[in-house]
Amino acid sequence: MLFVTIWAALALFAVAEAGKGPLVTDGRPPWWARPAWILGALLAIIHSLIAFAVRYNWDHEDAVRSTATQAAEIYGVAWRGSLYVNYVFLALWLLAAWCWHHWVWRAFALTMVVNGAIVFARPAARPFGVVLIAVLLWAWRPRRCPLTKSLRQVDK
């Protein structure tokens, strides 16, 4: 259940981002985009709670130590603040549902998703992480401004 919740959360995140980006019609995202975003955030929070219960037996210090050790194995730095960055990510994910578009959030989210879905993921799960990243980059790609398209039609 631990891994199912986070992969479902990340899939919903990517789906919601596609709904806010390339699947927007008439300047508005589809009705399901915001609920998918919120459900994804809630599943990510549930994932964290399950991890605390199953992996760390509700021992916050153990979670901080373990997260720092994992970071040291990958990046060579055992920074004890890694777990707190996860808390910030979860809070912002949930709160960002009410203010959809901002590049700072997207850069932060991309960093967290790459780390969680590729760098720290089990090797067998990494291809799914690559697909998630590809969907996010597709959803976030720059598009032509609708105003520019309208102006070109007027010029004809």
N, C-alpha and C. Protein backbone atom coordinates (compact mmCIF):
# COMPACT_ATOMS: atom_id res chain seq x y z
N MET A 1 0.82 -1.20 0.00
CA MET A 1 0.00 0.00 0.00
C MET A 1 0.87 1.27 0.00
N LEU A 2 2.05 1.16 0.61
CA LEU A 2 2.94 2.31 0.70
C LEU A 2 3.28 2.86 -0.68
N PHE A 3 3.67 1.98 -1.59
CA PHE A 3 4.08 2.45 -2.91
C PHE A 3 2.90 2.73 -3.82
N VAL A 4 1.80 2.02 -3.64
CA VAL A 4 0.60 2.25 -4.46
C VAL A 4 0.09 3.67 -4.24
N THR A 5 0.07 4.13 -3.00
CA THR A 5 -0.46 5.46 -2.72
C THR A 5 0.38 6.56 -3.35
N ILE A 6 1.69 6.44 -3.31
CA ILE A 6 2.51 7.52 -3.87
C ILE A 6 2.50 7.49 -5.40
N TRP A 7 2.49 6.30 -5.99
CA TRP A 7 2.45 6.26 -7.46
C TRP A 7 1.09 6.74 -7.98
N ALA A 8 0.02 6.41 -7.28
CA ALA A 8 -1.30 6.93 -7.66
C ALA A 8 -1.34 8.45 -7.49
N ALA A 9 -0.75 8.93 -6.40
CA ALA A 9 -0.70 10.38 -6.17
C ALA A 9 0.06 11.09 -7.29
N LEU A 10 1.21 10.55 -7.67
CA LEU A 10 2.01 11.17 -8.73
C LEU A 10 1.31 11.10 -10.08
N ALA A 11 0.61 10.00 -10.35
CA ALA A 11 -0.15 9.89 -11.60
C ALA A 11 -1.26 10.94 -11.63
N LEU A 12 -1.96 11.13 -10.52
CA LEU A 12 -3.01 12.15 -10.46
C LEU A 12 -2.43 13.55 -10.61
N PHE A 13 -1.25 13.77 -10.05
CA PHE A 13 -0.56 15.05 -10.20
C PHE A 13 -0.31 15.33 -11.69
N ALA A 14 0.22 14.34 -12.40
CA ALA A 14 0.52 14.51 -13.83
C ALA A 14 -0.77 14.71 -14.64
N VAL A 15 -1.81 13.96 -14.32
CA VAL A 15 -3.10 14.09 -15.01
C VAL A 15 -3.68 15.49 -14.78
N ALA A 16 -3.62 15.96 -13.54
CA ALA A 16 -4.14 17.29 -13.22
C ALA A 16 -3.35 18.37 -13.95
N GLU A 17 -2.04 18.22 -14.02
CA GLU A 17 -1.22 19.19 -14.74
C GLU A 17 -1.56 19.21 -16.22
N ALA A 18 -1.83 18.04 -16.80
CA ALA A 18 -2.26 17.98 -18.20
C ALA A 18 -3.61 18.69 -18.36
N GLY A 19 -4.49 18.52 -17.37
CA GLY A 19 -5.79 19.20 -17.41
C GLY A 19 -5.66 20.70 -17.32
N LYS A 20 -4.64 21.17 -16.61
CA LYS A 20 -4.42 22.62 -16.48
C LYS A 20 -3.68 23.20 -17.66
N GLY A 21 -3.06 22.33 -18.45
CA GLY A 21 -2.24 22.82 -19.55
C GLY A 21 -2.82 22.48 -20.91
N PRO A 22 -2.32 21.43 -21.54
CA PRO A 22 -2.71 21.14 -22.92
C PRO A 22 -4.16 20.73 -23.11
N LEU A 23 -4.84 20.33 -22.05
CA LEU A 23 -6.23 19.90 -22.19
C LEU A 23 -7.23 21.01 -21.85
N VAL A 24 -6.74 22.22 -21.63
CA VAL A 24 -7.61 23.36 -21.36
C VAL A 24 -8.41 23.68 -22.63
N THR A 25 -9.71 23.89 -22.45
CA THR A 25 -10.54 24.32 -23.57
C THR A 25 -11.27 25.60 -23.16
N ASP A 26 -11.35 26.52 -24.07
CA ASP A 26 -11.99 27.81 -23.81
C ASP A 26 -11.39 28.52 -22.60
N GLY A 27 -10.09 28.33 -22.40
CA GLY A 27 -9.40 29.01 -21.31
C GLY A 27 -9.63 28.43 -19.93
N ARG A 28 -10.36 27.31 -19.85
CA ARG A 28 -10.64 26.72 -18.54
C ARG A 28 -10.24 25.25 -18.53
N PRO A 29 -9.67 24.80 -17.41
CA PRO A 29 -9.34 23.37 -17.32
C PRO A 29 -10.62 22.53 -17.21
N PRO A 30 -10.55 21.25 -17.58
CA PRO A 30 -11.71 20.39 -17.43
C PRO A 30 -12.12 20.28 -15.95
N TRP A 31 -13.36 19.93 -15.72
CA TRP A 31 -13.90 19.89 -14.36
C TRP A 31 -13.12 18.96 -13.45
N TRP A 32 -12.52 17.91 -13.99
CA TRP A 32 -11.87 16.88 -13.19
C TRP A 32 -10.45 17.24 -12.77
N ALA A 33 -9.87 18.30 -13.32
CA ALA A 33 -8.45 18.60 -13.06
C ALA A 33 -8.20 18.95 -11.59
N ARG A 34 -8.98 19.83 -11.03
CA ARG A 34 -8.75 20.23 -9.63
C ARG A 34 -9.03 19.07 -8.66
N PRO A 35 -10.13 18.30 -8.82
CA PRO A 35 -10.31 17.15 -7.94
C PRO A 35 -9.16 16.12 -8.05
N ALA A 36 -8.64 15.92 -9.27
CA ALA A 36 -7.51 15.01 -9.43
C ALA A 36 -6.29 15.54 -8.67
N TRP A 37 -6.07 16.85 -8.75
CA TRP A 37 -4.96 17.49 -8.05
C TRP A 37 -5.09 17.29 -6.54
N ILE A 38 -6.27 17.58 -6.00
CA ILE A 38 -6.49 17.48 -4.56
C ILE A 38 -6.41 16.03 -4.10
N LEU A 39 -7.02 15.11 -4.85
CA LEU A 39 -6.95 13.69 -4.48
C LEU A 39 -5.49 13.21 -4.50
N GLY A 40 -4.72 13.65 -5.48
CA GLY A 40 -3.30 13.29 -5.52
C GLY A 40 -2.57 13.78 -4.29
N ALA A 41 -2.82 15.02 -3.89
CA ALA A 41 -2.17 15.58 -2.70
C ALA A 41 -2.57 14.78 -1.45
N LEU A 42 -3.84 14.45 -1.35
CA LEU A 42 -4.30 13.69 -0.18
C LEU A 42 -3.68 12.29 -0.16
N LEU A 43 -3.55 11.65 -1.32
CA LEU A 43 -2.91 10.34 -1.38
C LEU A 43 -1.43 10.43 -1.01
N ALA A 44 -0.77 11.52 -1.40
CA ALA A 44 0.64 11.71 -1.01
C ALA A 44 0.77 11.86 0.50
N ILE A 45 -0.17 12.55 1.11
CA ILE A 45 -0.17 12.70 2.57
C ILE A 45 -0.44 11.34 3.23
N ILE A 46 -1.38 10.57 2.68
CA ILE A 46 -1.65 9.23 3.20
C ILE A 46 -0.40 8.36 3.08
N HIS A 47 0.29 8.47 1.95
CA HIS A 47 1.55 7.74 1.76
C HIS A 47 2.54 8.07 2.88
N SER A 48 2.66 9.34 3.19
CA SER A 48 3.58 9.76 4.26
C SER A 48 3.17 9.18 5.61
N LEU A 49 1.88 9.18 5.89
CA LEU A 49 1.40 8.61 7.15
C LEU A 49 1.65 7.11 7.22
N ILE A 50 1.42 6.42 6.11
CA ILE A 50 1.69 4.98 6.08
C ILE A 50 3.19 4.73 6.28
N ALA A 51 4.03 5.54 5.63
CA ALA A 51 5.48 5.38 5.80
C ALA A 51 5.88 5.58 7.26
N PHE A 52 5.31 6.59 7.91
CA PHE A 52 5.62 6.82 9.32
C PHE A 52 5.21 5.62 10.17
N ALA A 53 4.05 5.04 9.87
CA ALA A 53 3.57 3.91 10.66
C ALA A 53 4.37 2.64 10.37
N VAL A 54 4.55 2.32 9.09
CA VAL A 54 5.15 1.04 8.70
C VAL A 54 6.68 1.06 8.76
N ARG A 55 7.28 2.09 8.22
CA ARG A 55 8.75 2.15 8.14
C ARG A 55 9.41 2.66 9.41
N TYR A 56 8.78 3.63 10.07
CA TYR A 56 9.46 4.32 11.18
C TYR A 56 8.76 4.14 12.52
N ASN A 57 7.69 3.35 12.56
CA ASN A 57 6.97 3.09 13.80
C ASN A 57 6.64 4.39 14.55
N TRP A 58 6.23 5.41 13.81
CA TRP A 58 5.86 6.72 14.32
C TRP A 58 7.01 7.44 15.04
N ASP A 59 8.24 7.06 14.72
CA ASP A 59 9.43 7.67 15.33
C ASP A 59 9.99 8.73 14.38
N HIS A 60 9.69 9.99 14.65
CA HIS A 60 10.10 11.07 13.76
C HIS A 60 11.61 11.16 13.64
N GLU A 61 12.32 10.99 14.72
CA GLU A 61 13.79 11.05 14.68
C GLU A 61 14.36 9.96 13.78
N ASP A 62 13.77 8.77 13.83
CA ASP A 62 14.20 7.68 12.95
C ASP A 62 13.96 8.06 11.49
N ALA A 63 12.82 8.67 11.21
CA ALA A 63 12.51 9.10 9.84
C ALA A 63 13.50 10.15 9.36
N VAL A 64 13.82 11.11 10.20
CA VAL A 64 14.79 12.16 9.84
C VAL A 64 16.14 11.52 9.55
N ARG A 65 16.59 10.63 10.44
CA ARG A 65 17.89 9.97 10.29
C ARG A 65 17.92 9.12 9.02
N SER A 66 16.88 8.36 8.79
CA SER A 66 16.82 7.47 7.62
C SER A 66 16.80 8.27 6.31
N THR A 67 16.03 9.34 6.29
CA THR A 67 15.96 10.18 5.09
C THR A 67 17.32 10.82 4.82
N ALA A 68 17.99 11.26 5.85
CA ALA A 68 19.32 11.85 5.69
C ALA A 68 20.32 10.81 5.18
N THR A 69 20.21 9.59 5.67
CA THR A 69 21.10 8.51 5.22
C THR A 69 20.86 8.21 3.74
N GLN A 70 19.58 8.15 3.34
CA GLN A 70 19.27 7.91 1.93
C GLN A 70 19.82 9.02 1.04
N ALA A 71 19.69 10.26 1.49
CA ALA A 71 20.23 11.38 0.72
C ALA A 71 21.74 11.29 0.62
N ALA A 72 22.39 10.88 1.70
CA ALA A 72 23.85 10.75 1.69
C ALA A 72 24.30 9.67 0.71
N GLU A 73 23.53 8.59 0.61
CA GLU A 73 23.88 7.51 -0.32
C GLU A 73 23.81 7.97 -1.77
N ILE A 74 22.90 8.88 -2.06
CA ILE A 74 22.72 9.36 -3.43
C ILE A 74 23.58 10.60 -3.71
N TYR A 75 23.52 11.57 -2.81
CA TYR A 75 24.14 12.88 -3.06
C TYR A 75 25.43 13.12 -2.28
N GLY A 76 25.74 12.23 -1.34
CA GLY A 76 26.95 12.40 -0.55
C GLY A 76 26.81 13.38 0.61
N VAL A 77 25.60 13.85 0.88
CA VAL A 77 25.35 14.78 1.98
C VAL A 77 24.19 14.25 2.82
N ALA A 78 24.44 14.03 4.09
CA ALA A 78 23.40 13.54 4.99
C ALA A 78 22.72 14.72 5.66
N TRP A 79 21.94 15.44 4.90
CA TRP A 79 21.26 16.63 5.42
C TRP A 79 19.99 16.23 6.15
N ARG A 80 19.89 16.58 7.41
CA ARG A 80 18.75 16.20 8.24
C ARG A 80 17.47 16.97 7.86
N GLY A 81 17.57 17.97 7.05
CA GLY A 81 16.41 18.73 6.64
C GLY A 81 15.63 18.13 5.49
N SER A 82 16.12 17.03 4.93
CA SER A 82 15.46 16.42 3.77
C SER A 82 14.00 16.09 4.04
N LEU A 83 13.71 15.54 5.20
CA LEU A 83 12.33 15.18 5.52
C LEU A 83 11.44 16.42 5.60
N TYR A 84 12.00 17.51 6.09
CA TYR A 84 11.22 18.75 6.20
C TYR A 84 10.89 19.33 4.83
N VAL A 85 11.77 19.11 3.86
CA VAL A 85 11.47 19.52 2.49
C VAL A 85 10.27 18.74 1.97
N ASN A 86 10.17 17.47 2.34
CA ASN A 86 9.00 16.68 1.97
C ASN A 86 7.73 17.26 2.58
N TYR A 87 7.80 17.70 3.82
CA TYR A 87 6.63 18.31 4.46
C TYR A 87 6.20 19.57 3.70
N VAL A 88 7.16 20.39 3.34
CA VAL A 88 6.86 21.61 2.59
C VAL A 88 6.22 21.25 1.25
N PHE A 89 6.77 20.25 0.58
CA PHE A 89 6.22 19.80 -0.70
C PHE A 89 4.76 19.38 -0.56
N LEU A 90 4.46 18.57 0.44
CA LEU A 90 3.08 18.12 0.63
C LEU A 90 2.13 19.28 0.93
N ALA A 91 2.57 20.19 1.77
CA ALA A 91 1.73 21.35 2.10
C ALA A 91 1.49 22.22 0.87
N LEU A 92 2.54 22.49 0.12
CA LEU A 92 2.38 23.32 -1.07
C LEU A 92 1.55 22.64 -2.14
N TRP A 93 1.70 21.34 -2.28
CA TRP A 93 0.90 20.60 -3.26
C TRP A 93 -0.58 20.79 -2.95
N LEU A 94 -0.95 20.61 -1.71
CA LEU A 94 -2.35 20.76 -1.33
C LEU A 94 -2.80 22.22 -1.47
N LEU A 95 -2.00 23.15 -1.01
CA LEU A 95 -2.38 24.56 -1.07
C LEU A 95 -2.38 25.11 -2.49
N ALA A 96 -1.52 24.60 -3.34
CA ALA A 96 -1.43 25.11 -4.71
C ALA A 96 -2.67 24.78 -5.53
N ALA A 97 -3.55 23.94 -5.02
CA ALA A 97 -4.79 23.64 -5.73
C ALA A 97 -5.64 24.89 -5.92
N TRP A 98 -5.41 25.91 -5.11
CA TRP A 98 -6.22 27.12 -5.20
C TRP A 98 -5.52 28.25 -5.95
N CYS A 99 -4.29 28.04 -6.34
CA CYS A 99 -3.59 29.03 -7.18
C CYS A 99 -2.74 28.24 -8.16
N TRP A 100 -3.32 27.93 -9.28
CA TRP A 100 -2.84 26.91 -10.20
C TRP A 100 -1.50 27.15 -10.87
N HIS A 101 -1.27 28.29 -11.48
CA HIS A 101 -0.11 28.42 -12.35
C HIS A 101 0.99 29.23 -11.70
N HIS A 102 2.11 28.64 -11.47
CA HIS A 102 3.29 29.36 -11.03
C HIS A 102 4.52 28.48 -11.27
N TRP A 103 5.52 29.09 -11.89
CA TRP A 103 6.71 28.35 -12.31
C TRP A 103 7.60 27.97 -11.14
N VAL A 104 7.60 28.75 -10.08
CA VAL A 104 8.41 28.39 -8.91
C VAL A 104 7.91 27.07 -8.34
N TRP A 105 6.57 26.95 -8.22
CA TRP A 105 5.99 25.69 -7.75
C TRP A 105 6.37 24.55 -8.67
N ARG A 106 6.27 24.76 -9.96
CA ARG A 106 6.57 23.70 -10.91
C ARG A 106 8.03 23.25 -10.82
N ALA A 107 8.95 24.18 -10.67
CA ALA A 107 10.37 23.82 -10.54
C ALA A 107 10.58 23.00 -9.27
N PHE A 108 9.97 23.43 -8.17
CA PHE A 108 10.09 22.70 -6.92
C PHE A 108 9.46 21.31 -7.05
N ALA A 109 8.26 21.25 -7.61
CA ALA A 109 7.56 19.98 -7.78
C ALA A 109 8.37 19.04 -8.67
N LEU A 110 8.92 19.55 -9.75
CA LEU A 110 9.71 18.71 -10.66
C LEU A 110 10.92 18.14 -9.93
N THR A 111 11.58 18.94 -9.13
CA THR A 111 12.72 18.47 -8.35
C THR A 111 12.30 17.34 -7.41
N MET A 112 11.19 17.52 -6.73
CA MET A 112 10.71 16.50 -5.79
C MET A 112 10.28 15.22 -6.51
N VAL A 113 9.59 15.37 -7.64
CA VAL A 113 9.12 14.20 -8.37
C VAL A 113 10.29 13.44 -8.98
N VAL A 114 11.27 14.14 -9.55
CA VAL A 114 12.45 13.46 -10.10
C VAL A 114 13.15 12.67 -9.00
N ASN A 115 13.33 13.30 -7.85
CA ASN A 115 13.99 12.59 -6.74
C ASN A 115 13.17 11.39 -6.28
N GLY A 116 11.88 11.58 -6.08
CA GLY A 116 11.04 10.50 -5.56
C GLY A 116 10.74 9.40 -6.57
N ALA A 117 10.54 9.77 -7.82
CA ALA A 117 10.10 8.79 -8.82
C ALA A 117 11.24 8.20 -9.65
N ILE A 118 12.42 8.80 -9.56
CA ILE A 118 13.55 8.26 -10.32
C ILE A 118 14.76 8.01 -9.42
N VAL A 119 15.27 9.05 -8.80
CA VAL A 119 16.52 8.92 -8.04
C VAL A 119 16.38 7.95 -6.87
N PHE A 120 15.36 8.12 -6.04
CA PHE A 120 15.20 7.28 -4.86
C PHE A 120 14.26 6.09 -5.09
N ALA A 121 13.69 5.98 -6.27
CA ALA A 121 12.75 4.89 -6.55
C ALA A 121 13.51 3.58 -6.73
N ARG A 122 12.81 2.50 -6.52
CA ARG A 122 13.38 1.19 -6.80
C ARG A 122 13.66 1.11 -8.31
N PRO A 123 14.71 0.43 -8.70
CA PRO A 123 15.06 0.37 -10.13
C PRO A 123 13.91 -0.07 -11.04
N ALA A 124 13.10 -1.02 -10.59
CA ALA A 124 11.98 -1.49 -11.42
C ALA A 124 10.92 -0.43 -11.62
N ALA A 125 10.82 0.53 -10.69
CA ALA A 125 9.79 1.57 -10.77
C ALA A 125 10.27 2.79 -11.56
N ARG A 126 11.55 2.92 -11.79
CA ARG A 126 12.08 4.12 -12.45
C ARG A 126 11.49 4.39 -13.84
N PRO A 127 11.20 3.38 -14.65
CA PRO A 127 10.57 3.69 -15.95
C PRO A 127 9.23 4.43 -15.79
N PHE A 128 8.46 4.08 -14.75
CA PHE A 128 7.21 4.79 -14.49
C PHE A 128 7.50 6.24 -14.13
N GLY A 129 8.58 6.46 -13.39
CA GLY A 129 9.00 7.82 -13.06
C GLY A 129 9.35 8.61 -14.29
N VAL A 130 10.03 7.98 -15.22
CA VAL A 130 10.39 8.66 -16.47
C VAL A 130 9.13 9.05 -17.24
N VAL A 131 8.14 8.16 -17.26
CA VAL A 131 6.87 8.46 -17.93
C VAL A 131 6.18 9.64 -17.24
N LEU A 132 6.15 9.64 -15.91
CA LEU A 132 5.55 10.75 -15.17
C LEU A 132 6.23 12.07 -15.50
N ILE A 133 7.54 12.07 -15.51
CA ILE A 133 8.29 13.29 -15.83
C ILE A 133 7.97 13.73 -17.26
N ALA A 134 7.90 12.79 -18.19
CA ALA A 134 7.58 13.14 -19.58
C ALA A 134 6.20 13.77 -19.68
N VAL A 135 5.21 13.23 -18.96
CA VAL A 135 3.86 13.79 -18.98
C VAL A 135 3.87 15.20 -18.39
N LEU A 136 4.59 15.40 -17.29
CA LEU A 136 4.66 16.74 -16.69
C LEU A 136 5.31 17.73 -17.65
N LEU A 137 6.40 17.35 -18.26
CA LEU A 137 7.07 18.27 -19.20
C LEU A 137 6.17 18.57 -20.39
N TRP A 138 5.42 17.59 -20.86
CA TRP A 138 4.46 17.81 -21.94
C TRP A 138 3.37 18.77 -21.48
N ALA A 139 2.86 18.55 -20.27
CA ALA A 139 1.78 19.41 -19.75
C ALA A 139 2.27 20.83 -19.53
N TRP A 140 3.53 20.99 -19.20
CA TRP A 140 4.08 22.32 -18.89
C TRP A 140 4.73 23.00 -20.08
N ARG A 141 4.73 22.39 -21.24
CA ARG A 141 5.41 23.00 -22.39
C ARG A 141 4.73 24.32 -22.75
N PRO A 142 5.54 25.26 -23.19
CA PRO A 142 4.95 26.56 -23.58
C PRO A 142 4.02 26.38 -24.78
N ARG A 143 2.94 27.08 -24.75
CA ARG A 143 1.97 27.06 -25.85
C ARG A 143 1.81 28.48 -26.37
N ARG A 144 1.34 28.55 -27.57
CA ARG A 144 1.09 29.87 -28.14
C ARG A 144 -0.03 30.56 -27.38
N CYS A 145 0.12 31.80 -27.22
CA CYS A 145 -0.89 32.62 -26.55
C CYS A 145 -2.14 32.68 -27.42
N PRO A 146 -3.33 32.42 -26.88
CA PRO A 146 -4.56 32.49 -27.67
C PRO A 146 -4.77 33.88 -28.29
N LEU A 147 -4.31 34.93 -27.62
CA LEU A 147 -4.44 36.28 -28.15
C LEU A 147 -3.63 36.43 -29.43
N THR A 148 -2.43 35.85 -29.47
CA THR A 148 -1.59 35.91 -30.66
C THR A 148 -2.29 35.24 -31.83
N LYS A 149 -2.91 34.08 -31.56
CA LYS A 149 -3.64 33.35 -32.61
C LYS A 149 -4.81 34.21 -33.13
N SER A 150 -5.54 34.86 -32.23
CA SER A 150 -6.67 35.70 -32.63
C SER A 150 -6.20 36.88 -33.48
N LEU A 151 -5.07 37.47 -33.10
CA LEU A 151 -4.56 38.61 -33.85
C LEU A 151 -4.13 38.20 -35.26
N ARG A 152 -3.56 37.02 -35.39
CA ARG A 152 -3.16 36.54 -36.71
C ARG A 152 -4.38 36.33 -37.61
N GLN A 153 -5.50 35.87 -37.02
CA GLN A 153 -6.72 35.67 -37.79
C GLN A 153 -7.30 37.01 -38.26
N VAL A 154 -7.18 38.04 -37.46
CA VAL A 154 -7.68 39.37 -37.81
C VAL A 154 -6.87 39.94 -38.97
N ASP A 155 -5.56 39.68 -38.99
CA ASP A 155 -4.70 40.21 -40.03
C ASP A 155 -5.00 39.61 -41.40
N LYS A 156 -5.62 38.44 -41.45
CA LYS A 156 -5.87 37.78 -42.75
C LYS A 156 -6.95 38.43 -43.53
